[in-house]
Amino acid sequence: MNRCVQEPLIFAKNGERNMSDDIMAEAMELFRSGDLKGAVENLDGKLRSNRDNAILQHTYAEFANMLNMEEQEDVVPGTKIMMSYKKAMELDEENDEYIADFASFALECRRVPQAVKEFQRYSHRLEMADIPTDDVLYMAARNIVDTIEVIDPEKANPMVQPWVKQALVWAVGGLGYTPEEAAKLLTSDD
């Protein structure tokens, strides 16, 4: 799975420059110039004195994950990346992007139960906002099924059945159907 990372939005809600702009400026410049490793190292150094900055935690996790994918090895330990994602979510509980990114990372690490749990939390937040299934959940459905194919190609383990069912709900939701509508359509003779 190859996820692209956009530069984080680091402006305050009222449009004024945020303290995060200054903290992350050097790392963002390194990132823009193609020095991903330098950007990760810069952010890691900034985290030592700015642990309570959600944007910094999230950006570090995203960039470190990108670096590991680029190098095809764990330059940054996965547990450290996971802790940064968790810290960002803890610091900014209202940020749905943090939940979705953490869930995607958990899935990349083949932590399917944790990934499904976080995607369910993301889905619940969408429901509360009266938003139907979005592209994040639609892609999560595909990635969950792909991961299960690797772990249990026969899908014989009863533990994977709820994950497959959840993925199917999100997949048909992403196509604009409820599970009931999809079942009716698939079982009709037309």
Protein backbone atom coordinates (compact mmCIF):
# COMPACT_ATOMS: atom_id res chain seq x y z
CA MET A 1 0.00 0.00 0.00
CA ASN A 2 1.48 3.30 -1.02
CA ARG A 3 -0.05 6.35 0.60
CA CYS A 4 0.81 9.84 -0.49
CA VAL A 5 1.14 12.47 2.17
CA GLN A 6 0.06 16.00 1.57
CA GLU A 7 1.71 18.82 3.40
CA PRO A 8 -0.21 19.24 6.64
CA LEU A 9 -2.52 22.15 7.17
CA ILE A 10 -0.73 24.06 9.86
CA PHE A 11 -2.79 27.21 10.13
CA ALA A 12 -5.07 28.13 12.97
CA LYS A 13 -8.80 27.96 12.31
CA ASN A 14 -9.04 31.74 12.22
CA GLY A 15 -6.43 31.88 9.44
CA GLU A 16 -3.66 33.34 11.56
CA ARG A 17 -0.25 31.76 11.52
CA ASN A 18 0.06 29.03 14.07
CA MET A 19 3.04 28.24 16.26
CA SER A 20 3.32 24.98 14.29
CA ASP A 21 4.23 26.95 11.15
CA ASP A 22 7.50 28.09 12.70
CA ILE A 23 8.29 24.77 14.35
CA MET A 24 7.79 22.80 11.15
CA ALA A 25 9.13 25.28 8.58
CA GLU A 26 12.59 23.74 8.31
CA ALA A 27 11.28 20.18 8.09
CA MET A 28 8.76 21.18 5.42
CA GLU A 29 11.51 22.82 3.38
CA LEU A 30 13.61 19.65 3.64
CA PHE A 31 10.59 17.61 2.55
CA ARG A 32 9.91 19.89 -0.43
CA SER A 33 13.53 19.63 -1.54
CA GLY A 34 13.34 15.82 -1.47
CA ASP A 35 15.27 15.23 1.74
CA LEU A 36 12.73 13.04 3.49
CA LYS A 37 15.29 11.56 5.87
CA GLY A 38 16.44 15.04 6.87
CA ALA A 39 12.82 16.10 7.42
CA VAL A 40 12.20 13.09 9.67
CA GLU A 41 15.36 13.77 11.67
CA ASN A 42 14.42 17.44 12.00
CA LEU A 43 10.91 16.61 13.22
CA ASP A 44 12.29 14.00 15.62
CA GLY A 45 14.53 16.66 17.17
CA LYS A 46 11.62 19.11 17.44
CA LEU A 47 9.46 16.49 19.18
CA ARG A 48 11.81 16.40 22.16
CA SER A 49 10.69 19.87 23.25
CA ASN A 50 7.21 19.91 21.62
CA ARG A 51 5.62 16.60 22.64
CA ASP A 52 2.21 18.20 23.02
CA ASN A 53 1.97 19.44 19.43
CA ALA A 54 -0.53 17.21 17.60
CA ILE A 55 0.40 18.45 14.13
CA LEU A 56 4.07 17.79 14.78
CA GLN A 57 3.34 14.29 16.11
CA HIS A 58 1.14 13.45 13.11
CA THR A 59 3.53 14.87 10.52
CA TYR A 60 6.45 13.01 12.09
CA ALA A 61 4.49 9.75 11.93
CA GLU A 62 3.46 10.33 8.31
CA PHE A 63 6.96 11.29 7.16
CA ALA A 64 8.61 8.45 9.11
CA ASN A 65 6.17 5.99 7.56
CA MET A 66 6.94 7.39 4.10
CA LEU A 67 10.66 7.06 4.79
CA ASN A 68 10.29 3.41 5.81
CA MET A 69 8.26 2.71 2.68
CA GLU A 70 10.80 4.51 0.49
CA GLU A 71 13.76 2.68 2.05
CA GLN A 72 11.81 -0.60 2.22
CA GLU A 73 13.07 -1.14 5.74
CA ASP A 74 12.38 0.13 9.23
CA VAL A 75 14.62 3.17 9.38
CA VAL A 76 12.26 4.41 12.09
CA PRO A 77 10.82 1.64 14.31
CA GLY A 78 7.15 1.00 13.63
CA THR A 79 6.38 1.23 17.33
CA LYS A 80 7.76 4.77 17.42
CA ILE A 81 5.62 5.73 14.44
CA MET A 82 2.57 4.15 16.04
CA MET A 83 3.18 6.05 19.28
CA SER A 84 3.32 9.36 17.37
CA TYR A 85 0.04 8.61 15.61
CA LYS A 86 -1.56 7.73 18.96
CA LYS A 87 -0.19 10.85 20.63
CA ALA A 88 -1.56 13.05 17.81
CA MET A 89 -4.99 11.44 18.21
CA GLU A 90 -4.84 11.90 21.97
CA LEU A 91 -3.93 15.58 21.63
CA ASP A 92 -6.53 16.34 18.95
CA GLU A 93 -9.44 13.95 19.44
CA GLU A 94 -11.60 15.83 16.94
CA ASN A 95 -9.28 15.30 13.97
CA ASP A 96 -10.73 12.55 11.77
CA GLU A 97 -7.66 12.55 9.52
CA TYR A 98 -5.50 11.44 12.45
CA ILE A 99 -7.83 8.51 13.16
CA ALA A 100 -7.91 7.42 9.51
CA ASP A 101 -4.14 7.71 9.09
CA PHE A 102 -3.50 5.74 12.26
CA ALA A 103 -5.96 3.04 11.17
CA SER A 104 -4.26 2.82 7.76
CA PHE A 105 -0.86 2.51 9.41
CA ALA A 106 -2.12 -0.23 11.74
CA LEU A 107 -3.38 -2.09 8.68
CA GLU A 108 -0.02 -1.68 6.94
CA CYS A 109 1.52 -3.31 10.02
CA ARG A 110 -1.05 -6.12 9.69
CA ARG A 111 -2.68 -5.22 12.97
CA VAL A 112 -6.09 -5.91 11.51
CA PRO A 113 -8.13 -5.88 14.75
CA GLN A 114 -6.69 -2.51 15.75
CA ALA A 115 -7.13 -1.12 12.23
CA VAL A 116 -10.76 -2.26 12.01
CA LYS A 117 -11.48 -0.80 15.46
CA GLU A 118 -10.08 2.59 14.45
CA PHE A 119 -11.82 2.57 11.07
CA GLN A 120 -15.05 1.78 12.93
CA ARG A 121 -14.43 4.78 15.17
CA TYR A 122 -13.82 6.90 12.06
CA SER A 123 -17.03 5.50 10.51
CA HIS A 124 -19.00 6.30 13.66
CA ARG A 125 -17.74 9.89 13.58
CA LEU A 126 -18.88 10.17 9.95
CA GLU A 127 -22.32 8.83 10.90
CA MET A 128 -22.60 11.38 13.72
CA ALA A 129 -21.84 14.11 11.18
CA ASP A 130 -24.43 12.60 8.81
CA ILE A 131 -21.76 11.82 6.22
CA PRO A 132 -22.10 8.59 4.22
CA THR A 133 -19.22 6.20 3.70
CA ASP A 134 -16.32 8.09 2.16
CA ASP A 135 -13.29 7.17 0.07
CA VAL A 136 -11.23 6.44 3.19
CA LEU A 137 -13.59 3.65 4.26
CA TYR A 138 -14.04 2.44 0.70
CA MET A 139 -10.26 2.03 0.33
CA ALA A 140 -10.01 0.59 3.85
CA ALA A 141 -12.45 -2.14 2.78
CA ARG A 142 -10.20 -3.13 -0.10
CA ASN A 143 -7.04 -3.01 1.99
CA ILE A 144 -8.60 -5.04 4.82
CA VAL A 145 -9.62 -7.77 2.37
CA ASP A 146 -6.15 -7.69 0.74
CA THR A 147 -4.49 -8.03 4.14
CA ILE A 148 -6.78 -10.91 5.11
CA GLU A 149 -5.87 -12.61 1.81
CA VAL A 150 -2.23 -12.59 2.92
CA ILE A 151 -2.91 -13.66 6.51
CA ASP A 152 -5.60 -16.26 5.77
CA PRO A 153 -6.06 -16.89 2.01
CA GLU A 154 -8.87 -19.38 2.64
CA LYS A 155 -10.63 -17.02 5.06
CA ALA A 156 -11.24 -20.13 7.16
CA ASN A 157 -10.38 -18.60 10.52
CA PRO A 158 -13.64 -17.52 12.19
CA MET A 159 -11.83 -14.48 13.59
CA VAL A 160 -11.54 -12.91 10.12
CA GLN A 161 -15.26 -13.22 9.27
CA PRO A 162 -16.35 -10.06 11.17
CA TRP A 163 -13.53 -8.12 9.48
CA VAL A 164 -14.64 -9.32 6.04
CA LYS A 165 -18.25 -8.44 6.85
CA GLN A 166 -17.24 -4.95 8.00
CA ALA A 167 -15.18 -4.46 4.84
CA LEU A 168 -18.18 -5.47 2.70
CA VAL A 169 -20.42 -2.96 4.51
CA TRP A 170 -17.92 -0.17 3.80
CA ALA A 171 -17.41 -1.30 0.20
CA VAL A 172 -21.10 -1.25 -0.68
CA GLY A 173 -21.50 1.98 1.29
CA GLY A 174 -18.74 3.50 -0.81
CA LEU A 175 -20.74 2.54 -3.89
CA GLY A 176 -23.78 4.33 -2.48
CA TYR A 177 -25.78 1.34 -1.24
CA THR A 178 -26.90 0.11 2.14
CA PRO A 179 -26.06 -3.53 2.86
CA GLU A 180 -29.77 -4.38 2.49
CA GLU A 181 -30.00 -2.66 -0.90
CA ALA A 182 -26.86 -4.42 -2.10
CA ALA A 183 -28.11 -7.83 -0.92
CA LYS A 184 -31.47 -7.27 -2.63
CA LEU A 185 -29.79 -6.21 -5.85
CA LEU A 186 -27.41 -9.16 -5.82
CA THR A 187 -30.14 -11.71 -5.16
CA SER A 188 -32.68 -10.38 -7.65
CA ASP A 189 -33.26 -12.21 -10.93
CA ASP A 190 -33.07 -9.01 -12.99
